[in-house]
C-alpha atoms as a PDB file:
ATOM      1  CA  MET A   1     136.736 124.062  81.908  1.00  0.00           C
ATOM      2  CA  ILE A   2     133.245 122.800  82.711  1.00  0.00           C
ATOM      3  CA  THR A   3     133.659 119.750  84.904  1.00  0.00           C
ATOM      4  CA  ARG A   4     131.087 117.164  85.955  1.00  0.00           C
ATOM      5  CA  GLU A   5     131.272 118.441  89.520  1.00  0.00           C
ATOM      6  CA  ARG A   6     130.413 122.003  88.517  1.00  0.00           C
ATOM      7  CA  VAL A   7     127.561 120.886  86.248  1.00  0.00           C
ATOM      8  CA  GLY A   8     126.237 118.559  88.957  1.00  0.00           C
ATOM      9  CA  ALA A   9     126.390 121.328  91.559  1.00  0.00           C
ATOM     10  CA  ALA A  10     124.480 123.667  89.235  1.00  0.00           C
ATOM     11  CA  VAL A  11     121.815 121.083  88.366  1.00  0.00           C
ATOM     12  CA  ASP A  12     121.332 120.055  91.997  1.00  0.00           C
ATOM     13  CA  SER A  13     121.205 123.596  93.343  1.00  0.00           C
ATOM     14  CA  PRO A  14     117.914 124.651  95.004  1.00  0.00           C
ATOM     15  CA  ARG A  15     117.574 127.666  92.693  1.00  0.00           C
ATOM     16  CA  PHE A  16     117.789 125.513  89.554  1.00  0.00           C
ATOM     17  CA  HIS A  17     115.468 122.961  91.148  1.00  0.00           C
ATOM     18  CA  HIS A  18     112.812 125.590  91.869  1.00  0.00           C
ATOM     19  CA  ALA A  19     113.197 127.062  88.374  1.00  0.00           C
ATOM     20  CA  ILE A  20     112.437 123.691  86.778  1.00  0.00           C
ATOM     21  CA  ILE A  21     109.386 123.238  89.018  1.00  0.00           C
ATOM     22  CA  GLY A  22     108.155 126.692  87.971  1.00  0.00           C
ATOM     23  CA  LEU A  23     108.621 125.854  84.284  1.00  0.00           C
ATOM     24  CA  ILE A  24     106.707 122.592  84.673  1.00  0.00           C
ATOM     25  CA  VAL A  25     103.791 124.400  86.330  1.00  0.00           C
ATOM     26  CA  LEU A  26     103.777 127.190  83.732  1.00  0.00           C
ATOM     27  CA  ASN A  27     103.958 124.687  80.880  1.00  0.00           C
ATOM     28  CA  ALA A  28     101.026 122.748  82.323  1.00  0.00           C
ATOM     29  CA  LEU A  29      99.011 125.971  82.485  1.00  0.00           C
ATOM     30  CA  THR A  30      99.846 126.962  78.895  1.00  0.00           C
ATOM     31  CA  LEU A  31      98.910 123.492  77.632  1.00  0.00           C
ATOM     32  CA  GLY A  32      95.582 123.949  79.372  1.00  0.00           C
ATOM     33  CA  LEU A  33      95.140 127.353  77.711  1.00  0.00           C
ATOM     34  CA  GLU A  34      95.664 125.723  74.315  1.00  0.00           C
ATOM     35  CA  THR A  35      92.383 123.860  74.789  1.00  0.00           C
ATOM     36  CA  SER A  36      90.535 127.185  74.382  1.00  0.00           C
ATOM     37  CA  GLN A  37      89.920 127.883  70.701  1.00  0.00           C
ATOM     38  CA  ARG A  38      89.504 131.611  71.359  1.00  0.00           C
ATOM     39  CA  LEU A  39      92.858 131.885  73.156  1.00  0.00           C
ATOM     40  CA  LEU A  40      94.517 129.685  70.544  1.00  0.00           C
ATOM     41  CA  GLU A  41      93.374 131.997  67.748  1.00  0.00           C
ATOM     42  CA  GLY A  42      94.655 135.084  69.550  1.00  0.00           C
ATOM     43  CA  TYR A  43      97.815 133.799  71.241  1.00  0.00           C
ATOM     44  CA  GLY A  44      98.519 130.521  69.425  1.00  0.00           C
ATOM     45  CA  PRO A  45     102.023 131.425  68.165  1.00  0.00           C
ATOM     46  CA  LEU A  46     103.020 132.741  71.598  1.00  0.00           C
ATOM     47  CA  LEU A  47     101.795 129.622  73.393  1.00  0.00           C
ATOM     48  CA  ARG A  48     103.461 127.292  70.893  1.00  0.00           C
ATOM     49  CA  GLY A  49     106.702 129.285  71.076  1.00  0.00           C
ATOM     50  CA  PHE A  50     106.739 129.064  74.866  1.00  0.00           C
ATOM     51  CA  ASP A  51     106.049 125.336  74.618  1.00  0.00           C
ATOM     52  CA  ARG A  52     109.047 124.816  72.321  1.00  0.00           C
ATOM     53  CA  LEU A  53     111.241 126.903  74.631  1.00  0.00           C
ATOM     54  CA  VAL A  54     110.259 124.790  77.640  1.00  0.00           C
ATOM     55  CA  VAL A  55     110.955 121.565  75.743  1.00  0.00           C
ATOM     56  CA  ALA A  56     114.399 122.882  74.752  1.00  0.00           C
ATOM     57  CA  ILE A  57     115.155 123.769  78.393  1.00  0.00           C
ATOM     58  CA  PHE A  58     114.060 120.301  79.531  1.00  0.00           C
ATOM     59  CA  VAL A  59     116.295 118.652  76.936  1.00  0.00           C
ATOM     60  CA  VAL A  60     119.282 120.748  78.034  1.00  0.00           C
ATOM     61  CA  GLU A  61     118.525 119.905  81.659  1.00  0.00           C
ATOM     62  CA  LEU A  62     118.448 116.161  80.949  1.00  0.00           C
ATOM     63  CA  LEU A  63     121.690 116.357  78.971  1.00  0.00           C
ATOM     64  CA  ALA A  64     123.342 118.268  81.815  1.00  0.00           C
ATOM     65  CA  ARG A  65     122.164 115.704  84.377  1.00  0.00           C
ATOM     66  CA  CYS A  66     123.362 112.870  82.138  1.00  0.00           C
ATOM     67  CA  TYR A  67     126.797 114.497  81.831  1.00  0.00           C
ATOM     68  CA  ALA A  68     127.020 115.183  85.562  1.00  0.00           C
ATOM     69  CA  GLN A  69     125.829 111.777  86.777  1.00  0.00           C
ATOM     70  CA  GLY A  70     127.452 109.586  84.141  1.00  0.00           C
ATOM     71  CA  ARG A  71     126.438 105.937  84.424  1.00  0.00           C
ATOM     72  CA  ALA A  72     124.404 106.695  87.536  1.00  0.00           C
ATOM     73  CA  PHE A  73     121.964 108.563  85.275  1.00  0.00           C
ATOM     74  CA  VAL A  74     121.045 105.316  83.491  1.00  0.00           C
ATOM     75  CA  ARG A  75     120.585 103.390  86.739  1.00  0.00           C
ATOM     76  CA  ASP A  76     118.010 105.836  88.123  1.00  0.00           C
ATOM     77  CA  PRO A  77     114.464 104.884  86.981  1.00  0.00           C
ATOM     78  CA  TRP A  78     113.217 108.429  87.622  1.00  0.00           C
ATOM     79  CA  ASN A  79     115.641 109.698  84.987  1.00  0.00           C
ATOM     80  CA  TRP A  80     114.152 107.251  82.492  1.00  0.00           C
ATOM     81  CA  PHE A  81     110.709 108.551  83.414  1.00  0.00           C
ATOM     82  CA  ASP A  82     111.818 112.110  82.634  1.00  0.00           C
ATOM     83  CA  VAL A  83     113.416 111.020  79.360  1.00  0.00           C
ATOM     84  CA  VAL A  84     110.223 109.291  78.182  1.00  0.00           C
ATOM     85  CA  VAL A  85     108.006 112.242  79.133  1.00  0.00           C
ATOM     86  CA  VAL A  86     110.249 114.778  77.391  1.00  0.00           C
ATOM     87  CA  SER A  87     110.786 112.536  74.350  1.00  0.00           C
ATOM     88  CA  ILE A  88     107.032 112.524  73.679  1.00  0.00           C
ATOM     89  CA  ALA A  89     107.245 116.261  73.043  1.00  0.00           C
ATOM     90  CA  ILE A  90     110.137 115.844  70.590  1.00  0.00           C
ATOM     91  CA  VAL A  91     108.435 113.278  68.335  1.00  0.00           C
ATOM     92  CA  PRO A  92     106.558 115.066  65.521  1.00  0.00           C
ATOM     93  CA  ALA A  93     102.824 114.947  66.345  1.00  0.00           C
ATOM     94  CA  THR A  94     101.653 114.407  62.779  1.00  0.00           C
ATOM     95  CA  GLY A  95     100.175 111.490  60.883  1.00  0.00           C
ATOM     96  CA  ALA A  96     100.242 108.301  62.915  1.00  0.00           C
ATOM     97  CA  PHE A  97     101.804 110.188  65.835  1.00  0.00           C
ATOM     98  CA  SER A  98      99.038 112.818  66.063  1.00  0.00           C
ATOM     99  CA  VAL A  99      97.850 111.213  69.303  1.00  0.00           C
ATOM    100  CA  LEU A 100     101.101 112.396  70.910  1.00  0.00           C
ATOM    101  CA  ARG A 101      99.784 115.960  70.726  1.00  0.00           C
ATOM    102  CA  ALA A 102      97.357 115.125  73.531  1.00  0.00           C
ATOM    103  CA  LEU A 103     100.113 113.406  75.513  1.00  0.00           C
ATOM    104  CA  ARG A 104     102.189 116.569  75.798  1.00  0.00           C
ATOM    105  CA  VAL A 105     100.392 117.366  79.050  1.00  0.00           C
ATOM    106  CA  LEU A 106     102.186 114.371  80.562  1.00  0.00           C
ATOM    107  CA  ARG A 107     105.095 116.752  81.057  1.00  0.00           C
ATOM    108  CA  ALA A 108     103.230 117.998  84.124  1.00  0.00           C
ATOM    109  CA  LEU A 109     103.905 114.574  85.648  1.00  0.00           C
ATOM    110  CA  ARG A 110     107.570 115.553  85.863  1.00  0.00           C
ATOM    111  CA  LEU A 111     106.606 117.191  89.148  1.00  0.00           C
ATOM    112  CA  ILE A 112     106.500 113.658  90.545  1.00  0.00           C
ATOM    113  CA  SER A 113     110.179 113.090  89.816  1.00  0.00           C
ATOM    114  CA  ILE A 114     111.217 116.620  90.800  1.00  0.00           C
ATOM    115  CA  VAL A 115     109.343 117.031  94.102  1.00  0.00           C
ATOM    116  CA  PRO A 116     110.755 114.596  96.727  1.00  0.00           C
ATOM    117  CA  SER A 117     107.493 114.264  98.683  1.00  0.00           C
ATOM    118  CA  MET A 118     105.571 113.242  95.541  1.00  0.00           C
ATOM    119  CA  ARG A 119     108.337 110.819  94.624  1.00  0.00           C
ATOM    120  CA  ARG A 120     108.099 109.164  98.037  1.00  0.00           C
ATOM    121  CA  VAL A 121     104.339 108.739  97.668  1.00  0.00           C
ATOM    122  CA  VAL A 122     104.683 107.155  94.220  1.00  0.00           C
ATOM    123  CA  SER A 123     107.500 104.887  95.426  1.00  0.00           C
ATOM    124  CA  ALA A 124     105.303 103.728  98.296  1.00  0.00           C
ATOM    125  CA  LEU A 125     102.417 103.027  95.918  1.00  0.00           C
ATOM    126  CA  LEU A 126     104.705 101.042  93.614  1.00  0.00           C
ATOM    127  CA  ALA A 127     105.895  99.038  96.602  1.00  0.00           C
ATOM    128  CA  ALA A 128     102.247  98.296  97.424  1.00  0.00           C
ATOM    129  CA  VAL A 129     101.467  96.973  93.931  1.00  0.00           C
ATOM    130  CA  PRO A 130     101.911  93.245  94.814  1.00  0.00           C
ATOM    131  CA  GLY A 131      99.461  93.538  97.693  1.00  0.00           C
ATOM    132  CA  MET A 132      97.039  95.567  95.580  1.00  0.00           C
ATOM    133  CA  LEU A 133      97.162  92.951  92.825  1.00  0.00           C
ATOM    134  CA  SER A 134      96.128  90.276  95.314  1.00  0.00           C
ATOM    135  CA  ILE A 135      93.265  92.422  96.587  1.00  0.00           C
ATOM    136  CA  GLY A 136      92.276  93.240  92.995  1.00  0.00           C
ATOM    137  CA  ALA A 137      92.146  89.531  92.170  1.00  0.00           C
ATOM    138  CA  LEU A 138      89.946  88.978  95.239  1.00  0.00           C
ATOM    139  CA  LEU A 139      87.658  91.817  94.124  1.00  0.00           C
ATOM    140  CA  VAL A 140      87.350  90.374  90.609  1.00  0.00           C
ATOM    141  CA  LEU A 141      86.515  86.970  92.074  1.00  0.00           C
ATOM    142  CA  VAL A 142      83.816  88.425  94.353  1.00  0.00           C
ATOM    143  CA  LEU A 143      82.397  90.460  91.454  1.00  0.00           C
ATOM    144  CA  TYR A 144      82.276  87.432  89.155  1.00  0.00           C
ATOM    145  CA  VAL A 145      80.634  85.142  91.695  1.00  0.00           C
ATOM    146  CA  SER A 146      78.103  87.850  92.589  1.00  0.00           C
ATOM    147  CA  ALA A 147      77.325  88.469  88.899  1.00  0.00           C
ATOM    148  CA  VAL A 148      76.645  84.786  88.262  1.00  0.00           C
ATOM    149  CA  MET A 149      74.353  84.637  91.302  1.00  0.00           C
ATOM    150  CA  ALA A 150      72.560  87.865  90.343  1.00  0.00           C
ATOM    151  CA  THR A 151      71.991  86.638  86.781  1.00  0.00           C
ATOM    152  CA  LYS A 152      70.390  83.431  88.008  1.00  0.00           C
ATOM    153  CA  LEU A 153      68.321  85.192  90.679  1.00  0.00           C
ATOM    154  CA  PHE A 154      67.177  88.412  89.000  1.00  0.00           C
ATOM    155  CA  SER A 155      67.356  87.872  85.210  1.00  0.00           C
ATOM    156  CA  THR A 156      63.581  87.500  84.927  1.00  0.00           C
ATOM    157  CA  THR A 157      62.817  90.337  87.341  1.00  0.00           C
ATOM    158  CA  ALA A 158      65.151  92.966  85.816  1.00  0.00           C
ATOM    159  CA  PRO A 159      66.341  91.630  82.434  1.00  0.00           C
ATOM    160  CA  GLU A 160      67.768  95.023  81.367  1.00  0.00           C
ATOM    161  CA  ARG A 161      70.074  94.995  84.409  1.00  0.00           C
ATOM    162  CA  PHE A 162      70.710  91.292  85.054  1.00  0.00           C
ATOM    163  CA  GLY A 163      69.716  89.703  81.723  1.00  0.00           C
ATOM    164  CA  ASP A 164      73.118  88.091  81.137  1.00  0.00           C
ATOM    165  CA  LEU A 165      76.539  87.933  82.753  1.00  0.00           C
ATOM    166  CA  SER A 166      77.892  91.109  81.119  1.00  0.00           C
ATOM    167  CA  ASP A 167      74.826  93.137  82.185  1.00  0.00           C
ATOM    168  CA  SER A 168      75.133  91.795  85.730  1.00  0.00           C
ATOM    169  CA  LEU A 169      78.840  92.637  85.861  1.00  0.00           C
ATOM    170  CA  LEU A 170      78.180  96.219  84.740  1.00  0.00           C
ATOM    171  CA  THR A 171      75.274  96.667  87.155  1.00  0.00           C
ATOM    172  CA  LEU A 172      77.175  95.252  90.121  1.00  0.00           C
ATOM    173  CA  PHE A 173      80.223  97.385  89.294  1.00  0.00           C
ATOM    174  CA  LYS A 174      78.003 100.484  89.404  1.00  0.00           C
ATOM    175  CA  ILE A 175      76.516  99.319  92.708  1.00  0.00           C
ATOM    176  CA  MET A 176      80.019  98.797  94.098  1.00  0.00           C
ATOM    177  CA  SER A 177      80.867 102.415  93.265  1.00  0.00           C
ATOM    178  CA  GLY A 178      77.684 103.566  95.030  1.00  0.00           C
ATOM    179  CA  GLU A 179      75.974 104.797  91.863  1.00  0.00           C
ATOM    180  CA  GLY A 180      72.185 104.346  91.959  1.00  0.00           C
ATOM    181  CA  TRP A 181      72.242 101.105  93.916  1.00  0.00           C
ATOM    182  CA  SER A 182      69.007 102.021  95.711  1.00  0.00           C
ATOM    183  CA  ASP A 183      67.176 102.318  92.373  1.00  0.00           C
ATOM    184  CA  VAL A 184      68.383  98.867  91.335  1.00  0.00           C
ATOM    185  CA  SER A 185      67.482  97.262  94.653  1.00  0.00           C
ATOM    186  CA  ASP A 186      64.050  98.914  94.765  1.00  0.00           C
ATOM    187  CA  GLU A 187      63.278  97.687  91.261  1.00  0.00           C
ATOM    188  CA  VAL A 188      64.192  94.105  92.107  1.00  0.00           C
ATOM    189  CA  MET A 189      62.613  94.119  95.567  1.00  0.00           C
ATOM    190  CA  ARG A 190      59.176  94.919  94.167  1.00  0.00           C
ATOM    191  CA  THR A 191      58.856  91.263  93.198  1.00  0.00           C
ATOM    192  CA  GLN A 192      61.688  89.667  95.232  1.00  0.00           C
ATOM    193  CA  PRO A 193      61.900  91.207  98.707  1.00  0.00           C
ATOM    194  CA  PHE A 194      64.664  88.817  99.773  1.00  0.00           C
ATOM    195  CA  ALA A 195      66.968  90.575  97.273  1.00  0.00           C
ATOM    196  CA  LEU A 196      67.743  93.095 100.003  1.00  0.00           C
ATOM    197  CA  VAL A 197      69.921  90.490 101.721  1.00  0.00           C
ATOM    198  CA  PHE A 198      71.948  89.945  98.538  1.00  0.00           C
ATOM    199  CA  PHE A 199      72.538  93.635  97.917  1.00  0.00           C
ATOM    200  CA  VAL A 200      73.439  94.441 101.531  1.00  0.00           C
ATOM    201  CA  VAL A 201      75.933  91.565 101.757  1.00  0.00           C
ATOM    202  CA  TYR A 202      77.427  92.462  98.379  1.00  0.00           C
ATOM    203  CA  ILE A 203      77.893  96.139  99.280  1.00  0.00           C
ATOM    204  CA  VAL A 204      79.407  95.293 102.673  1.00  0.00           C
ATOM    205  CA  ILE A 205      81.916  92.885 101.097  1.00  0.00           C
ATOM    206  CA  THR A 206      82.936  95.076  98.160  1.00  0.00           C
ATOM    207  CA  ALA A 207      82.485  98.748  99.060  1.00  0.00           C
ATOM    208  CA  PHE A 208      83.102  98.521 102.815  1.00  0.00           C
ATOM    209  CA  THR A 209      85.690  95.748 103.029  1.00  0.00           C
ATOM    210  CA  VAL A 210      87.602  94.922  99.855  1.00  0.00           C
ATOM    211  CA  LEU A 211      87.938  98.500  98.563  1.00  0.00           C
ATOM    212  CA  ASN A 212      89.127  99.706 101.967  1.00  0.00           C
ATOM    213  CA  LEU A 213      91.832  97.038 101.854  1.00  0.00           C
ATOM    214  CA  PHE A 214      93.425  98.990  98.984  1.00  0.00           C
ATOM    215  CA  ILE A 215      93.713 102.014 101.271  1.00  0.00           C
ATOM    216  CA  ALA A 216      95.103  99.871 104.087  1.00  0.00           C
ATOM    217  CA  VAL A 217      97.799  98.374 101.841  1.00  0.00           C
ATOM    218  CA  ALA A 218      98.752 101.816 100.474  1.00  0.00           C
ATOM    219  CA  VAL A 219      98.994 103.336 103.972  1.00  0.00           C
ATOM    220  CA  SER A 220     101.064 100.385 105.197  1.00  0.00           C
ATOM    221  CA  ALA A 221     103.459 100.774 102.260  1.00  0.00           C
ATOM    222  CA  MET A 222     103.849 104.489 102.945  1.00  0.00           C
ATOM    223  CA  GLU A 223     104.555 103.828 106.629  1.00  0.00           C
ATOM    224  CA  SER A 224     107.204 101.284 105.646  1.00  0.00           C
ATOM    225  CA  GLN A 225     108.723 103.810 103.240  1.00  0.00           C
ATOM    226  CA  VAL A 226     108.899 106.477 105.945  1.00  0.00           C
ATOM    227  CA  SER A 227     110.404 104.028 108.460  1.00  0.00           C
ATOM    228  CA  GLU A 228     113.062 102.959 105.954  1.00  0.00           C
ATOM    229  CA  GLU A 229     113.972 106.568 105.184  1.00  0.00           C
ATOM    230  CA  ARG A 230     114.279 107.306 108.901  1.00  0.00           C
ATOM    231  CA  ARG A 231     116.569 104.311 109.384  1.00  0.00           C
ATOM    232  CA  GLU A 232     118.741 105.453 106.482  1.00  0.00           C
ATOM    233  CA  GLN A 233     118.868 108.986 107.878  1.00  0.00           C
ATOM    234  CA  ASN A 234     119.819 107.680 111.330  1.00  0.00           C
ATOM    235  CA  SER A 235     122.543 105.533 109.777  1.00  0.00           C
ATOM    236  CA  GLU A 236     123.919 108.535 107.890  1.00  0.00           C
ATOM    237  CA  ASP A 237     123.858 110.678 111.048  1.00  0.00           C
ATOM    238  CA  ALA A 238     125.665 107.952 112.974  1.00  0.00           C
ATOM    239  CA  ALA A 239     128.284 107.652 110.230  1.00  0.00           C
ATOM    240  CA  VAL A 240     128.863 111.421 110.285  1.00  0.00           C
ATOM    241  CA  ALA A 241     129.190 111.381 114.092  1.00  0.00           C
ATOM    242  CA  LEU A 242     131.731 108.561 113.939  1.00  0.00           C
ATOM    243  CA  THR A 243     133.702 110.407 111.277  1.00  0.00           C
ATOM    244  CA  ILE A 244     133.849 113.505 113.463  1.00  0.00           C
ATOM    245  CA  LEU A 245     134.999 111.446 116.453  1.00  0.00           C
ATOM    246  CA  ASP A 246     137.711 109.797 114.354  1.00  0.00           C
ATOM    247  CA  GLU A 247     138.925 113.220 113.225  1.00  0.00           C
ATOM    248  CA  LEU A 248     138.985 114.457 116.823  1.00  0.00           C
ATOM    249  CA  ARG A 249     140.992 111.411 117.912  1.00  0.00           C
ATOM    250  CA  ALA A 250     143.446 112.007 115.067  1.00  0.00           C
ATOM    251  CA  LEU A 251     143.763 115.633 116.168  1.00  0.00           C
ATOM    252  CA  ARG A 252     144.333 114.528 119.772  1.00  0.00           C
ATOM    253  CA  ALA A 253     147.028 112.140 118.629  1.00  0.00           C
ATOM    254  CA  GLU A 254     148.789 114.937 116.735  1.00  0.00           C
ATOM    255  CA  VAL A 255     148.603 117.187 119.790  1.00  0.00           C
ATOM    256  CA  ASP A 256     150.052 114.393 121.951  1.00  0.00           C
ATOM    257  CA  ALA A 257     152.852 113.930 119.459  1.00  0.00           C
ATOM    258  CA  LEU A 258     153.698 117.628 119.652  1.00  0.00           C
ATOM    259  CA  GLY A 259     153.599 117.539 123.440  1.00  0.00           C
ATOM    260  CA  GLY A 260     150.840 120.114 123.681  1.00  0.00           C
ATOM    261  CA  GLU A 261     147.752 120.195 125.791  1.00  0.00           C
ATOM    262  CA  ARG A 262     145.372 117.417 124.866  1.00  0.00           C
ATOM    263  CA  PRO A 263     141.733 118.317 124.365  1.00  0.00           C
ATOM    264  CA  ALA A 264     139.292 116.164 126.250  1.00  0.00           C
ATOM    265  CA  VAL A 265     137.250 114.128 123.815  1.00  0.00           C
ATOM    266  CA  PRO A 266     134.867 111.583 125.274  1.00  0.00           C
ATOM    267  CA  ASP A 267     135.154 108.123 123.828  1.00  0.00           C
ATOM    268  CA  GLN A 268     131.654 107.193 122.776  1.00  0.00           C
ATOM    269  CA  ARG A 269     132.477 103.989 120.950  1.00  0.00           C
END
């Protein structure tokens, strides 16, 4: 009889784990090959057949994990992520759902849920979302204020770049990303030399300060994630050590009851 324990042991085994990772990588490569019209004409049926085989294996894997984990399967958000990604491949990609054909490559994202190191990085980034939202709001505020100022200051000098608020927002966003900001500043500074002060202050605030805050928040979240995992690991190690000591004390008590020689076990509690 196939029990939950046997299915769970098979699904969680390193060999099965590595096999699924290999299938994900191979499937991502074959989906990339399907973008070549020449390869699709020559090997289209083979590529599509392999794609269907991989989807079938993924479905069987999810069903096996659901059977092995029971209700715990529903409580794990990473399982829901896998279900959504695999379900996209099952929905017929015709008619109104033709856009799902392009979304099949999302199956490569299953590596995030399969590989523990990737999963830790994503978990840390999700934990950093509240801080990033605050920094994003600050960035939007700085961009809006700067766009209003730039429109009032430079609309007559460079109307194609700062003619209205939307043009100023687009231009300043490009400057923030470092794209052609020297061309914009040189054009404006031909008639307004003081514009250099505006552009330097804007770049320092956005590109050098606010954007780097995103990196700082992400790194801080990852450090917190690592520290929490270390604390959990230390707690588990301590629990295992205490269990071993309890078993040794029980064994010593049995030896005492039999009148035999008592092994020396240091009391570390």
